[in-house]
């Protein structure tokens, strides 16, 4: 047999083997989990928009503008004048999880419940739970209950305690989608 022809057969066999290995990897159970992450991303893409938020705390009202958009990596990025956060699917806990950084150096981690159904609908309630590490070293443990009022409105009530178990001021936010 011709040496050049034998090398060509071995080379094409090697390429075929590599191709099959890559295909097997792409069809592995790990790739099925990517579908779950994509489902979560699609569900939470509801937030992709510009928002006007009215926030009430201890009798004081503030209105701010915010924006949330998606990334090619399947995450949401939220930004307003006070904070920036990134949210994505955590395959270990099977939850949509966020980390944020506030203007004053405060940081937080948060998870959101996943209600039943393929999309947001009026009456749906999402529960946010997390830890806020304030720039001054104090820690707050918070729970937010966000209710979908309609396709363009959310109402969020945030309560919690500080590191000593003392209640922190309740925060009520109303989000209106800006068209």
C-alpha atoms as a PDB file:
ATOM      1  CA  UNK A   1       0.000   0.000   0.000  1.00  0.00           C
ATOM      2  CA  UNK A   2       1.166   3.490  -0.789  1.00  0.00           C
ATOM      3  CA  UNK A   3       2.505   5.307   2.327  1.00  0.00           C
ATOM      4  CA  UNK A   4       0.809   8.575   1.340  1.00  0.00           C
ATOM      5  CA  UNK A   5      -2.538   6.805   0.930  1.00  0.00           C
ATOM      6  CA  UNK A   6      -2.168   4.989   4.278  1.00  0.00           C
ATOM      7  CA  UNK A   7      -1.348   8.292   6.050  1.00  0.00           C
ATOM      8  CA  UNK A   8      -4.425   9.862   4.418  1.00  0.00           C
ATOM      9  CA  UNK A   9      -6.645   7.017   5.683  1.00  0.00           C
ATOM     10  CA  UNK A  10      -5.220   7.257   9.219  1.00  0.00           C
ATOM     11  CA  UNK A  11      -5.568  11.050   9.132  1.00  0.00           C
ATOM     12  CA  UNK A  12      -9.203  10.891   7.996  1.00  0.00           C
ATOM     13  CA  UNK A  13      -9.881   8.186  10.629  1.00  0.00           C
ATOM     14  CA  UNK A  14      -8.413  10.453  13.292  1.00  0.00           C
ATOM     15  CA  UNK A  15     -10.549  13.357  12.081  1.00  0.00           C
ATOM     16  CA  UNK A  16     -13.652  11.133  12.080  1.00  0.00           C
ATOM     17  CA  UNK A  17     -12.852  10.001  15.640  1.00  0.00           C
ATOM     18  CA  UNK A  18     -12.464  13.610  16.799  1.00  0.00           C
ATOM     19  CA  UNK A  19     -15.705  14.538  15.074  1.00  0.00           C
ATOM     20  CA  UNK A  20     -17.573  11.687  16.796  1.00  0.00           C
ATOM     21  CA  UNK A  21     -16.073  12.631  20.170  1.00  0.00           C
ATOM     22  CA  UNK A  22     -17.219  16.236  19.736  1.00  0.00           C
ATOM     23  CA  UNK A  23     -20.703  15.074  18.727  1.00  0.00           C
ATOM     24  CA  UNK A  24     -20.906  12.785  21.770  1.00  0.00           C
ATOM     25  CA  UNK A  25     -19.915  15.678  24.028  1.00  0.00           C
ATOM     26  CA  UNK A  26     -22.535  17.944  22.444  1.00  0.00           C
ATOM     27  CA  UNK A  27     -25.250  15.366  23.056  1.00  0.00           C
ATOM     28  CA  UNK A  28     -24.172  14.604  26.622  1.00  0.00           C
ATOM     29  CA  UNK A  29     -26.607  15.016  29.558  1.00  0.00           C
ATOM     30  CA  UNK A  30     -24.751  18.250  30.418  1.00  0.00           C
ATOM     31  CA  UNK A  31     -26.060  19.841  27.251  1.00  0.00           C
ATOM     32  CA  UNK A  32     -29.622  19.021  28.348  1.00  0.00           C
ATOM     33  CA  UNK A  33     -29.105  21.229  31.397  1.00  0.00           C
ATOM     34  CA  UNK A  34     -28.347  24.118  29.072  1.00  0.00           C
ATOM     35  CA  UNK A  35     -31.980  23.868  27.916  1.00  0.00           C
ATOM     36  CA  UNK A  36     -33.119  24.407  31.497  1.00  0.00           C
ATOM     37  CA  UNK A  37     -30.939  27.526  31.742  1.00  0.00           C
ATOM     38  CA  UNK A  38     -32.378  28.758  28.454  1.00  0.00           C
ATOM     39  CA  UNK A  39     -35.917  28.206  29.775  1.00  0.00           C
ATOM     40  CA  UNK A  40     -35.138  30.300  32.854  1.00  0.00           C
ATOM     41  CA  UNK A  41     -33.550  33.019  30.720  1.00  0.00           C
ATOM     42  CA  UNK A  42     -36.611  33.095  28.458  1.00  0.00           C
ATOM     43  CA  UNK A  43     -38.929  33.294  31.491  1.00  0.00           C
ATOM     44  CA  UNK A  44     -36.978  36.120  33.150  1.00  0.00           C
ATOM     45  CA  UNK A  45     -36.612  38.035  29.877  1.00  0.00           C
ATOM     46  CA  UNK A  46     -39.922  39.589  31.004  1.00  0.00           C
ATOM     47  CA  UNK A  47     -37.716  42.140  32.780  1.00  0.00           C
ATOM     48  CA  UNK A  48     -35.960  43.227  29.548  1.00  0.00           C
ATOM     49  CA  UNK A  49     -37.187  46.786  29.269  1.00  0.00           C
ATOM     50  CA  UNK A  50     -36.812  50.307  30.539  1.00  0.00           C
ATOM     51  CA  UNK A  51     -38.633  50.913  33.829  1.00  0.00           C
ATOM     52  CA  UNK A  52     -39.836  53.808  35.944  1.00  0.00           C
ATOM     53  CA  UNK A  53     -39.760  52.855  39.608  1.00  0.00           C
ATOM     54  CA  UNK A  54     -41.516  54.675  42.429  1.00  0.00           C
ATOM     55  CA  UNK A  55     -39.942  53.676  45.746  1.00  0.00           C
ATOM     56  CA  UNK A  56     -41.511  54.434  49.127  1.00  0.00           C
ATOM     57  CA  UNK A  57     -39.578  54.036  52.391  1.00  0.00           C
ATOM     58  CA  UNK A  58     -40.610  55.499  55.741  1.00  0.00           C
ATOM     59  CA  UNK A  59     -42.928  58.045  54.101  1.00  0.00           C
ATOM     60  CA  UNK A  60     -40.358  59.208  51.531  1.00  0.00           C
ATOM     61  CA  UNK A  61     -40.936  58.723  47.804  1.00  0.00           C
ATOM     62  CA  UNK A  62     -38.329  58.611  45.081  1.00  0.00           C
ATOM     63  CA  UNK A  63     -38.773  57.992  41.359  1.00  0.00           C
ATOM     64  CA  UNK A  64     -35.915  56.493  39.384  1.00  0.00           C
ATOM     65  CA  UNK A  65     -35.394  55.161  35.871  1.00  0.00           C
ATOM     66  CA  UNK A  66     -33.878  51.732  35.280  1.00  0.00           C
ATOM     67  CA  UNK A  67     -33.094  49.354  32.463  1.00  0.00           C
ATOM     68  CA  UNK A  68     -32.764  45.596  32.249  1.00  0.00           C
ATOM     69  CA  UNK A  69     -31.400  43.841  29.187  1.00  0.00           C
ATOM     70  CA  UNK A  70     -30.225  40.391  28.226  1.00  0.00           C
ATOM     71  CA  UNK A  71     -26.774  39.191  27.277  1.00  0.00           C
ATOM     72  CA  UNK A  72     -25.542  36.663  24.709  1.00  0.00           C
ATOM     73  CA  UNK A  73     -24.548  34.465  27.654  1.00  0.00           C
ATOM     74  CA  UNK A  74     -28.142  34.143  28.894  1.00  0.00           C
ATOM     75  CA  UNK A  75     -27.954  36.611  31.777  1.00  0.00           C
ATOM     76  CA  UNK A  76     -29.887  39.752  32.651  1.00  0.00           C
ATOM     77  CA  UNK A  77     -28.131  42.989  33.516  1.00  0.00           C
ATOM     78  CA  UNK A  78     -30.077  45.545  35.553  1.00  0.00           C
ATOM     79  CA  UNK A  79     -28.895  49.118  36.050  1.00  0.00           C
ATOM     80  CA  UNK A  80     -30.210  52.303  37.607  1.00  0.00           C
ATOM     81  CA  UNK A  81     -28.509  55.345  39.145  1.00  0.00           C
ATOM     82  CA  UNK A  82     -27.921  53.488  42.432  1.00  0.00           C
ATOM     83  CA  UNK A  83     -27.054  49.930  41.467  1.00  0.00           C
ATOM     84  CA  UNK A  84     -25.962  47.443  38.851  1.00  0.00           C
ATOM     85  CA  UNK A  85     -26.659  43.730  39.032  1.00  0.00           C
ATOM     86  CA  UNK A  86     -26.305  40.611  36.931  1.00  0.00           C
ATOM     87  CA  UNK A  87     -28.761  37.725  37.076  1.00  0.00           C
ATOM     88  CA  UNK A  88     -28.525  34.226  35.687  1.00  0.00           C
ATOM     89  CA  UNK A  89     -29.370  30.569  36.128  1.00  0.00           C
ATOM     90  CA  UNK A  90     -27.528  28.692  38.874  1.00  0.00           C
ATOM     91  CA  UNK A  91     -27.462  25.007  37.848  1.00  0.00           C
ATOM     92  CA  UNK A  92     -26.542  23.870  41.364  1.00  0.00           C
ATOM     93  CA  UNK A  93     -29.573  25.417  43.106  1.00  0.00           C
ATOM     94  CA  UNK A  94     -31.771  25.468  39.971  1.00  0.00           C
ATOM     95  CA  UNK A  95     -32.724  29.094  40.673  1.00  0.00           C
ATOM     96  CA  UNK A  96     -32.406  32.471  38.997  1.00  0.00           C
ATOM     97  CA  UNK A  97     -29.730  34.200  41.060  1.00  0.00           C
ATOM     98  CA  UNK A  98     -28.376  37.739  41.135  1.00  0.00           C
ATOM     99  CA  UNK A  99     -25.440  39.642  42.508  1.00  0.00           C
ATOM    100  CA  UNK A 100     -25.455  43.397  42.752  1.00  0.00           C
ATOM    101  CA  UNK A 101     -23.266  46.328  43.625  1.00  0.00           C
ATOM    102  CA  UNK A 102     -24.641  49.608  44.922  1.00  0.00           C
ATOM    103  CA  UNK A 103     -23.225  53.083  44.351  1.00  0.00           C
ATOM    104  CA  UNK A 104     -22.093  53.330  47.997  1.00  0.00           C
ATOM    105  CA  UNK A 105     -20.216  50.003  47.920  1.00  0.00           C
ATOM    106  CA  UNK A 106     -23.013  47.882  49.346  1.00  0.00           C
ATOM    107  CA  UNK A 107     -23.230  44.406  47.759  1.00  0.00           C
ATOM    108  CA  UNK A 108     -25.985  41.807  47.666  1.00  0.00           C
ATOM    109  CA  UNK A 109     -26.819  38.295  46.554  1.00  0.00           C
ATOM    110  CA  UNK A 110     -30.379  37.286  45.811  1.00  0.00           C
ATOM    111  CA  UNK A 111     -32.429  34.379  44.461  1.00  0.00           C
ATOM    112  CA  UNK A 112     -35.893  34.508  42.892  1.00  0.00           C
ATOM    113  CA  UNK A 113     -38.539  31.814  43.039  1.00  0.00           C
ATOM    114  CA  UNK A 114     -39.825  30.397  39.748  1.00  0.00           C
ATOM    115  CA  UNK A 115     -43.634  30.412  39.673  1.00  0.00           C
ATOM    116  CA  UNK A 116     -45.472  27.847  37.566  1.00  0.00           C
ATOM    117  CA  UNK A 117     -46.235  28.666  33.962  1.00  0.00           C
ATOM    118  CA  UNK A 118     -44.328  29.620  30.848  1.00  0.00           C
ATOM    119  CA  UNK A 119     -44.536  33.390  31.331  1.00  0.00           C
ATOM    120  CA  UNK A 120     -45.368  36.226  33.714  1.00  0.00           C
ATOM    121  CA  UNK A 121     -49.089  36.841  34.219  1.00  0.00           C
ATOM    122  CA  UNK A 122     -51.246  39.054  36.426  1.00  0.00           C
ATOM    123  CA  UNK A 123     -51.483  37.802  40.002  1.00  0.00           C
ATOM    124  CA  UNK A 124     -48.222  35.856  39.849  1.00  0.00           C
ATOM    125  CA  UNK A 125     -46.041  36.353  42.947  1.00  0.00           C
ATOM    126  CA  UNK A 126     -42.268  35.976  42.918  1.00  0.00           C
ATOM    127  CA  UNK A 127     -40.275  35.727  46.130  1.00  0.00           C
ATOM    128  CA  UNK A 128     -36.805  37.257  46.337  1.00  0.00           C
ATOM    129  CA  UNK A 129     -34.550  36.185  49.212  1.00  0.00           C
ATOM    130  CA  UNK A 130     -31.104  37.489  49.880  1.00  0.00           C
ATOM    131  CA  UNK A 131     -28.342  39.008  51.910  1.00  0.00           C
ATOM    132  CA  UNK A 132     -27.235  42.628  51.707  1.00  0.00           C
ATOM    133  CA  UNK A 133     -23.723  43.446  52.888  1.00  0.00           C
ATOM    134  CA  UNK A 134     -23.679  47.193  53.511  1.00  0.00           C
ATOM    135  CA  UNK A 135     -20.604  49.296  52.933  1.00  0.00           C
ATOM    136  CA  UNK A 136     -20.445  50.071  56.674  1.00  0.00           C
ATOM    137  CA  UNK A 137     -20.125  46.344  57.524  1.00  0.00           C
ATOM    138  CA  UNK A 138     -23.735  45.790  58.590  1.00  0.00           C
ATOM    139  CA  UNK A 139     -25.731  42.910  57.127  1.00  0.00           C
ATOM    140  CA  UNK A 140     -29.437  42.724  56.237  1.00  0.00           C
ATOM    141  CA  UNK A 141     -31.452  39.630  55.416  1.00  0.00           C
ATOM    142  CA  UNK A 142     -34.328  40.492  53.097  1.00  0.00           C
ATOM    143  CA  UNK A 143     -37.382  38.982  51.480  1.00  0.00           C
ATOM    144  CA  UNK A 144     -39.161  40.679  48.623  1.00  0.00           C
ATOM    145  CA  UNK A 145     -42.600  39.693  47.402  1.00  0.00           C
ATOM    146  CA  UNK A 146     -43.071  40.952  43.876  1.00  0.00           C
ATOM    147  CA  UNK A 147     -46.587  40.767  42.444  1.00  0.00           C
ATOM    148  CA  UNK A 148     -47.300  41.030  38.735  1.00  0.00           C
ATOM    149  CA  UNK A 149     -50.112  43.580  38.485  1.00  0.00           C
ATOM    150  CA  UNK A 150     -50.328  43.410  34.684  1.00  0.00           C
ATOM    151  CA  UNK A 151     -47.953  42.909  31.743  1.00  0.00           C
ATOM    152  CA  UNK A 152     -46.363  46.322  32.367  1.00  0.00           C
ATOM    153  CA  UNK A 153     -46.566  46.751  36.151  1.00  0.00           C
ATOM    154  CA  UNK A 154     -44.938  45.082  39.154  1.00  0.00           C
ATOM    155  CA  UNK A 155     -45.385  45.810  42.861  1.00  0.00           C
ATOM    156  CA  UNK A 156     -42.555  44.819  45.182  1.00  0.00           C
ATOM    157  CA  UNK A 157     -42.690  44.790  48.999  1.00  0.00           C
ATOM    158  CA  UNK A 158     -39.336  44.254  50.711  1.00  0.00           C
ATOM    159  CA  UNK A 159     -39.025  43.398  54.394  1.00  0.00           C
ATOM    160  CA  UNK A 160     -36.253  41.946  56.496  1.00  0.00           C
ATOM    161  CA  UNK A 161     -34.021  42.099  59.503  1.00  0.00           C
ATOM    162  CA  UNK A 162     -30.555  43.330  60.283  1.00  0.00           C
ATOM    163  CA  UNK A 163     -27.784  41.110  61.646  1.00  0.00           C
ATOM    164  CA  UNK A 164     -29.195  41.539  65.172  1.00  0.00           C
ATOM    165  CA  UNK A 165     -32.689  40.416  64.192  1.00  0.00           C
ATOM    166  CA  UNK A 166     -34.160  43.939  64.306  1.00  0.00           C
ATOM    167  CA  UNK A 167     -36.687  44.754  61.564  1.00  0.00           C
ATOM    168  CA  UNK A 168     -35.436  47.028  58.799  1.00  0.00           C
ATOM    169  CA  UNK A 169     -37.729  49.642  57.194  1.00  0.00           C
ATOM    170  CA  UNK A 170     -40.209  48.221  54.699  1.00  0.00           C
ATOM    171  CA  UNK A 171     -39.637  49.279  51.098  1.00  0.00           C
ATOM    172  CA  UNK A 172     -42.481  49.352  48.561  1.00  0.00           C
ATOM    173  CA  UNK A 173     -41.615  49.701  44.875  1.00  0.00           C
ATOM    174  CA  UNK A 174     -43.920  50.023  41.898  1.00  0.00           C
ATOM    175  CA  UNK A 175     -42.309  49.248  38.540  1.00  0.00           C
ATOM    176  CA  UNK A 176     -43.925  50.617  35.357  1.00  0.00           C
ATOM    177  CA  UNK A 177     -42.589  49.541  31.978  1.00  0.00           C
ATOM    178  CA  UNK A 178     -41.622  52.518  29.812  1.00  0.00           C
ATOM    179  CA  UNK A 179     -42.662  51.977  26.211  1.00  0.00           C
END
